[in-house]
All heavy atoms as atom14 arrays in JSON, in Angstrom:
{
  "sequence": "VGGFSWQSYIEESPTSGDGDTLVANRLWEQI",
  "atom14_mask": [
    [1, 1, 1, 1, 1, 1, 1, 0, 0, 0, 0, 0, 0, 0],
    [1, 1, 1, 1, 0, 0, 0, 0, 0, 0, 0, 0, 0, 0],
    [1, 1, 1, 1, 0, 0, 0, 0, 0, 0, 0, 0, 0, 0],
    [1, 1, 1, 1, 1, 1, 1, 1, 1, 1, 1, 0, 0, 0],
    [1, 1, 1, 1, 1, 1, 0, 0, 0, 0, 0, 0, 0, 0],
    [1, 1, 1, 1, 1, 1, 1, 1, 1, 1, 1, 1, 1, 1],
    [1, 1, 1, 1, 1, 1, 1, 1, 1, 0, 0, 0, 0, 0],
    [1, 1, 1, 1, 1, 1, 0, 0, 0, 0, 0, 0, 0, 0],
    [1, 1, 1, 1, 1, 1, 1, 1, 1, 1, 1, 1, 0, 0],
    [1, 1, 1, 1, 1, 1, 1, 1, 0, 0, 0, 0, 0, 0],
    [1, 1, 1, 1, 1, 1, 1, 1, 1, 0, 0, 0, 0, 0],
    [1, 1, 1, 1, 1, 1, 1, 1, 1, 0, 0, 0, 0, 0],
    [1, 1, 1, 1, 1, 1, 0, 0, 0, 0, 0, 0, 0, 0],
    [1, 1, 1, 1, 1, 1, 1, 0, 0, 0, 0, 0, 0, 0],
    [1, 1, 1, 1, 1, 1, 1, 0, 0, 0, 0, 0, 0, 0],
    [1, 1, 1, 1, 1, 1, 0, 0, 0, 0, 0, 0, 0, 0],
    [1, 1, 1, 1, 0, 0, 0, 0, 0, 0, 0, 0, 0, 0],
    [1, 1, 1, 1, 1, 1, 1, 1, 0, 0, 0, 0, 0, 0],
    [1, 1, 1, 1, 0, 0, 0, 0, 0, 0, 0, 0, 0, 0],
    [1, 1, 1, 1, 1, 1, 1, 1, 0, 0, 0, 0, 0, 0],
    [1, 1, 1, 1, 1, 1, 1, 0, 0, 0, 0, 0, 0, 0],
    [1, 1, 1, 1, 1, 1, 1, 1, 0, 0, 0, 0, 0, 0],
    [1, 1, 1, 1, 1, 1, 1, 0, 0, 0, 0, 0, 0, 0],
    [1, 1, 1, 1, 1, 0, 0, 0, 0, 0, 0, 0, 0, 0],
    [1, 1, 1, 1, 1, 1, 1, 1, 0, 0, 0, 0, 0, 0],
    [1, 1, 1, 1, 1, 1, 1, 1, 1, 1, 1, 0, 0, 0],
    [1, 1, 1, 1, 1, 1, 1, 1, 0, 0, 0, 0, 0, 0],
    [1, 1, 1, 1, 1, 1, 1, 1, 1, 1, 1, 1, 1, 1],
    [1, 1, 1, 1, 1, 1, 1, 1, 1, 0, 0, 0, 0, 0],
    [1, 1, 1, 1, 1, 1, 1, 1, 1, 0, 0, 0, 0, 0],
    [1, 1, 1, 1, 1, 1, 1, 1, 0, 0, 0, 0, 0, 0]
  ],
  "atom14_positions": [
    [[0.87, -1.18, 0.0], [0.0, 0.0, 0.0], [0.9, 1.22, 0.0], [1.72, 1.4, 0.9], [-0.94, 0.05, 1.22], [-1.78, 1.33, 1.19], [-1.84, -1.18, 1.28], [0.0, 0.0, 0.0], [0.0, 0.0, 0.0], [0.0, 0.0, 0.0], [0.0, 0.0, 0.0], [0.0, 0.0, 0.0], [0.0, 0.0, 0.0], [0.0, 0.0, 0.0]],
    [[0.75, 2.07, -0.99], [1.52, 3.31, -1.07], [0.63, 4.41, -1.6], [-0.54, 4.21, -1.94], [0.0, 0.0, 0.0], [0.0, 0.0, 0.0], [0.0, 0.0, 0.0], [0.0, 0.0, 0.0], [0.0, 0.0, 0.0], [0.0, 0.0, 0.0], [0.0, 0.0, 0.0], [0.0, 0.0, 0.0], [0.0, 0.0, 0.0], [0.0, 0.0, 0.0]],
    [[1.19, 5.61, -1.67], [0.41, 6.72, -2.18], [-0.8, 7.03, -1.32], [-1.91, 7.28, -1.83], [0.0, 0.0, 0.0], [0.0, 0.0, 0.0], [0.0, 0.0, 0.0], [0.0, 0.0, 0.0], [0.0, 0.0, 0.0], [0.0, 0.0, 0.0], [0.0, 0.0, 0.0], [0.0, 0.0, 0.0], [0.0, 0.0, 0.0], [0.0, 0.0, 0.0]],
    [[-0.63, 7.0, 0.0], [-1.74, 7.34, 0.9], [-2.27, 8.75, 0.58], [-1.49, 9.66, 0.25], [-1.27, 7.33, 2.35], [-0.96, 5.95, 2.9], [0.33, 5.47, 2.92], [-1.97, 5.16, 3.4], [0.62, 4.22, 3.44], [-1.7, 3.9, 3.92], [-0.4, 3.43, 3.94], [0.0, 0.0, 0.0], [0.0, 0.0, 0.0], [0.0, 0.0, 0.0]],
    [[-3.56, 8.92, 0.7], [-4.17, 10.26, 0.54], [-4.15, 10.95, 1.9], [-5.11, 10.86, 2.69], [-5.6, 10.13, 0.01], [-5.61, 9.56, -1.28], [0.0, 0.0, 0.0], [0.0, 0.0, 0.0], [0.0, 0.0, 0.0], [0.0, 0.0, 0.0], [0.0, 0.0, 0.0], [0.0, 0.0, 0.0], [0.0, 0.0, 0.0], [0.0, 0.0, 0.0]],
    [[-3.07, 11.63, 2.16], [-2.86, 12.23, 3.48], [-3.63, 13.53, 3.64], [-3.77, 14.31, 2.71], [-1.38, 12.5, 3.72], [-0.55, 11.26, 3.82], [0.27, 10.75, 2.86], [-0.45, 10.39, 4.94], [0.87, 9.6, 3.3], [0.46, 9.35, 4.58], [-1.03, 10.36, 6.2], [0.78, 8.32, 5.45], [-0.7, 9.32, 7.07], [0.19, 8.32, 6.69]],
    [[-4.1, 13.76, 4.88], [-4.61, 15.05, 5.3], [-3.75, 15.52, 6.46], [-3.15, 14.69, 7.17], [-6.07, 14.95, 5.72], [-7.01, 14.5, 4.61], [-8.44, 14.38, 5.09], [-8.96, 15.3, 5.71], [-9.07, 13.25, 4.81], [0.0, 0.0, 0.0], [0.0, 0.0, 0.0], [0.0, 0.0, 0.0], [0.0, 0.0, 0.0], [0.0, 0.0, 0.0]],
    [[-3.67, 16.8, 6.69], [-2.77, 17.31, 7.72], [-3.47, 18.3, 8.64], [-4.45, 18.94, 8.27], [-1.55, 17.99, 7.07], [-1.95, 19.08, 6.27], [0.0, 0.0, 0.0], [0.0, 0.0, 0.0], [0.0, 0.0, 0.0], [0.0, 0.0, 0.0], [0.0, 0.0, 0.0], [0.0, 0.0, 0.0], [0.0, 0.0, 0.0], [0.0, 0.0, 0.0]],
    [[-2.93, 18.38, 9.85], [-3.39, 19.35, 10.84], [-2.16, 19.86, 11.56], [-1.39, 19.08, 12.14], [-4.36, 18.72, 11.84], [-4.69, 19.6, 13.01], [-5.58, 20.67, 12.88], [-4.09, 19.38, 14.25], [-5.86, 21.49, 13.96], [-4.38, 20.18, 15.34], [-5.27, 21.24, 15.2], [-5.54, 22.06, 16.26], [0.0, 0.0, 0.0], [0.0, 0.0, 0.0]],
    [[-1.94, 21.17, 11.52], [-0.73, 21.76, 12.09], [-0.99, 22.25, 13.51], [-1.96, 23.0, 13.75], [-0.23, 22.93, 11.22], [0.06, 22.45, 9.8], [1.02, 23.57, 11.84], [0.44, 23.58, 8.85], [0.0, 0.0, 0.0], [0.0, 0.0, 0.0], [0.0, 0.0, 0.0], [0.0, 0.0, 0.0], [0.0, 0.0, 0.0], [0.0, 0.0, 0.0]],
    [[-0.16, 21.81, 14.42], [-0.18, 22.32, 15.79], [0.51, 23.68, 15.83], [1.54, 23.88, 15.2], [0.56, 21.36, 16.72], [-0.17, 20.1, 17.05], [-1.05, 20.24, 18.29], [-1.02, 21.3, 18.94], [-1.77, 19.26, 18.59], [0.0, 0.0, 0.0], [0.0, 0.0, 0.0], [0.0, 0.0, 0.0], [0.0, 0.0, 0.0], [0.0, 0.0, 0.0]],
    [[-0.05, 24.58, 16.59], [0.62, 25.86, 16.82], [1.33, 25.81, 18.16], [0.81, 25.24, 19.12], [-0.38, 27.01, 16.79], [-1.0, 27.24, 15.42], [-1.92, 28.44, 15.41], [-2.02, 29.12, 16.46], [-2.53, 28.72, 14.36], [0.0, 0.0, 0.0], [0.0, 0.0, 0.0], [0.0, 0.0, 0.0], [0.0, 0.0, 0.0], [0.0, 0.0, 0.0]],
    [[2.51, 26.42, 18.21], [3.22, 26.43, 19.49], [2.48, 27.35, 20.44], [2.17, 28.49, 20.11], [4.66, 26.91, 19.29], [4.68, 28.22, 18.76], [0.0, 0.0, 0.0], [0.0, 0.0, 0.0], [0.0, 0.0, 0.0], [0.0, 0.0, 0.0], [0.0, 0.0, 0.0], [0.0, 0.0, 0.0], [0.0, 0.0, 0.0], [0.0, 0.0, 0.0]],
    [[2.14, 26.86, 21.63], [1.42, 27.71, 22.59], [2.36, 28.75, 23.2], [3.59, 28.63, 23.15], [0.95, 26.7, 23.64], [1.99, 25.63, 23.61], [2.43, 25.54, 22.17], [0.0, 0.0, 0.0], [0.0, 0.0, 0.0], [0.0, 0.0, 0.0], [0.0, 0.0, 0.0], [0.0, 0.0, 0.0], [0.0, 0.0, 0.0], [0.0, 0.0, 0.0]],
    [[1.78, 29.76, 23.77], [2.56, 30.78, 24.46], [1.9, 31.07, 25.8], [0.74, 30.7, 26.03], [2.62, 32.08, 23.64], [1.29, 32.56, 23.4], [3.32, 31.86, 22.31], [0.0, 0.0, 0.0], [0.0, 0.0, 0.0], [0.0, 0.0, 0.0], [0.0, 0.0, 0.0], [0.0, 0.0, 0.0], [0.0, 0.0, 0.0], [0.0, 0.0, 0.0]],
    [[2.64, 31.72, 26.68], [2.08, 32.07, 27.98], [0.89, 32.99, 27.77], [0.87, 33.82, 26.86], [3.14, 32.76, 28.84], [3.64, 33.91, 28.17], [0.0, 0.0, 0.0], [0.0, 0.0, 0.0], [0.0, 0.0, 0.0], [0.0, 0.0, 0.0], [0.0, 0.0, 0.0], [0.0, 0.0, 0.0], [0.0, 0.0, 0.0], [0.0, 0.0, 0.0]],
    [[-0.14, 32.79, 28.6], [-1.34, 33.59, 28.45], [-2.37, 32.94, 27.55], [-3.42, 33.54, 27.28], [0.0, 0.0, 0.0], [0.0, 0.0, 0.0], [0.0, 0.0, 0.0], [0.0, 0.0, 0.0], [0.0, 0.0, 0.0], [0.0, 0.0, 0.0], [0.0, 0.0, 0.0], [0.0, 0.0, 0.0], [0.0, 0.0, 0.0], [0.0, 0.0, 0.0]],
    [[-2.1, 31.71, 27.08], [-3.06, 31.01, 26.22], [-4.11, 30.24, 27.03], [-4.72, 29.3, 26.53], [-2.32, 30.01, 25.31], [-1.63, 30.7, 24.15], [-1.83, 31.91, 23.99], [-0.91, 30.01, 23.42], [0.0, 0.0, 0.0], [0.0, 0.0, 0.0], [0.0, 0.0, 0.0], [0.0, 0.0, 0.0], [0.0, 0.0, 0.0], [0.0, 0.0, 0.0]],
    [[-4.31, 30.64, 28.27], [-5.29, 29.96, 29.09], [-4.71, 28.78, 29.85], [-5.46, 27.93, 30.33], [0.0, 0.0, 0.0], [0.0, 0.0, 0.0], [0.0, 0.0, 0.0], [0.0, 0.0, 0.0], [0.0, 0.0, 0.0], [0.0, 0.0, 0.0], [0.0, 0.0, 0.0], [0.0, 0.0, 0.0], [0.0, 0.0, 0.0], [0.0, 0.0, 0.0]],
    [[-3.4, 28.73, 29.97], [-2.78, 27.62, 30.7], [-3.12, 27.73, 32.18], [-3.12, 28.81, 32.76], [-1.26, 27.67, 30.53], [-0.88, 27.71, 29.06], [-1.06, 26.68, 28.38], [-0.43, 28.78, 28.6], [0.0, 0.0, 0.0], [0.0, 0.0, 0.0], [0.0, 0.0, 0.0], [0.0, 0.0, 0.0], [0.0, 0.0, 0.0], [0.0, 0.0, 0.0]],
    [[-3.39, 26.61, 32.78], [-3.73, 26.6, 34.19], [-2.52, 26.36, 35.08], [-2.59, 26.61, 36.28], [-4.79, 25.53, 34.47], [-4.29, 24.26, 34.05], [-6.09, 25.82, 33.73], [0.0, 0.0, 0.0], [0.0, 0.0, 0.0], [0.0, 0.0, 0.0], [0.0, 0.0, 0.0], [0.0, 0.0, 0.0], [0.0, 0.0, 0.0], [0.0, 0.0, 0.0]],
    [[-1.44, 25.86, 34.51], [-0.26, 25.56, 35.3], [0.72, 26.71, 35.21], [1.24, 27.01, 34.13], [0.39, 24.26, 34.81], [-0.47, 23.0, 34.89], [0.24, 21.83, 34.23], [-0.8, 22.66, 36.34], [0.0, 0.0, 0.0], [0.0, 0.0, 0.0], [0.0, 0.0, 0.0], [0.0, 0.0, 0.0], [0.0, 0.0, 0.0], [0.0, 0.0, 0.0]],
    [[0.96, 27.37, 36.32], [1.84, 28.53, 36.36], [2.71, 28.44, 37.61], [2.24, 28.03, 38.67], [1.04, 29.86, 36.37], [1.97, 31.05, 36.45], [0.14, 29.97, 35.14], [0.0, 0.0, 0.0], [0.0, 0.0, 0.0], [0.0, 0.0, 0.0], [0.0, 0.0, 0.0], [0.0, 0.0, 0.0], [0.0, 0.0, 0.0], [0.0, 0.0, 0.0]],
    [[3.97, 28.8, 37.48], [4.87, 28.82, 38.63], [5.98, 29.83, 38.38], [6.29, 30.16, 37.23], [5.46, 27.44, 38.88], [0.0, 0.0, 0.0], [0.0, 0.0, 0.0], [0.0, 0.0, 0.0], [0.0, 0.0, 0.0], [0.0, 0.0, 0.0], [0.0, 0.0, 0.0], [0.0, 0.0, 0.0], [0.0, 0.0, 0.0], [0.0, 0.0, 0.0]],
    [[6.55, 30.33, 39.46], [7.68, 31.26, 39.35], [9.0, 30.49, 39.4], [9.96, 30.92, 40.04], [7.62, 32.3, 40.47], [6.46, 33.25, 40.3], [6.12, 33.62, 39.16], [5.83, 33.63, 41.39], [0.0, 0.0, 0.0], [0.0, 0.0, 0.0], [0.0, 0.0, 0.0], [0.0, 0.0, 0.0], [0.0, 0.0, 0.0], [0.0, 0.0, 0.0]],
    [[9.04, 29.38, 38.73], [10.25, 28.56, 38.66], [10.05, 27.5, 37.59], [8.96, 27.34, 37.03], [10.55, 27.89, 40.0], [9.45, 26.96, 40.49], [9.75, 26.47, 41.9], [8.7, 25.62, 42.43], [8.66, 24.3, 42.32], [9.64, 23.67, 41.67], [7.68, 23.59, 42.83], [0.0, 0.0, 0.0], [0.0, 0.0, 0.0], [0.0, 0.0, 0.0]],
    [[11.12, 26.77, 37.31], [11.06, 25.68, 36.35], [10.66, 24.39, 37.07], [11.24, 24.04, 38.1], [12.43, 25.5, 35.67], [12.88, 26.65, 34.78], [14.34, 26.49, 34.4], [12.01, 26.73, 33.52], [0.0, 0.0, 0.0], [0.0, 0.0, 0.0], [0.0, 0.0, 0.0], [0.0, 0.0, 0.0], [0.0, 0.0, 0.0], [0.0, 0.0, 0.0]],
    [[9.7, 23.7, 36.51], [9.23, 22.44, 37.1], [9.87, 21.26, 36.39], [10.09, 21.28, 35.17], [7.72, 22.33, 36.95], [6.96, 22.96, 38.1], [7.45, 23.32, 39.31], [5.57, 23.28, 38.11], [6.46, 23.84, 40.09], [5.29, 23.84, 39.38], [4.53, 23.15, 37.18], [4.02, 24.26, 39.74], [3.27, 23.57, 37.54], [3.02, 24.12, 38.81]],
    [[10.12, 20.21, 37.17], [10.58, 18.94, 36.6], [9.45, 18.34, 35.77], [8.28, 18.37, 36.17], [11.0, 18.0, 37.73], [11.74, 16.75, 37.27], [10.8, 15.62, 36.89], [9.72, 15.52, 37.51], [11.14, 14.87, 35.95], [0.0, 0.0, 0.0], [0.0, 0.0, 0.0], [0.0, 0.0, 0.0], [0.0, 0.0, 0.0], [0.0, 0.0, 0.0]],
    [[9.79, 17.77, 34.61], [8.76, 17.4, 33.63], [7.81, 16.31, 34.1], [6.59, 16.43, 33.98], [9.42, 16.97, 32.32], [8.43, 16.53, 31.25], [9.04, 16.47, 29.87], [10.03, 17.11, 29.6], [8.42, 15.69, 28.99], [0.0, 0.0, 0.0], [0.0, 0.0, 0.0], [0.0, 0.0, 0.0], [0.0, 0.0, 0.0], [0.0, 0.0, 0.0]],
    [[8.34, 15.18, 34.62], [7.48, 14.05, 34.96], [6.56, 14.4, 36.12], [5.44, 13.88, 36.22], [8.32, 12.8, 35.26], [9.27, 12.51, 34.1], [7.44, 11.59, 35.51], [8.57, 12.36, 32.75], [0.0, 0.0, 0.0], [0.0, 0.0, 0.0], [0.0, 0.0, 0.0], [0.0, 0.0, 0.0], [0.0, 0.0, 0.0], [0.0, 0.0, 0.0]]
  ]
}
């Protein structure tokens, strides 16, 4: 199977003030 008929959706990089609920005055460990 080749030649898939692809469709795409582009993610936009979020920025501060985009309604994020997680905020801190420091860097948090990821996990």
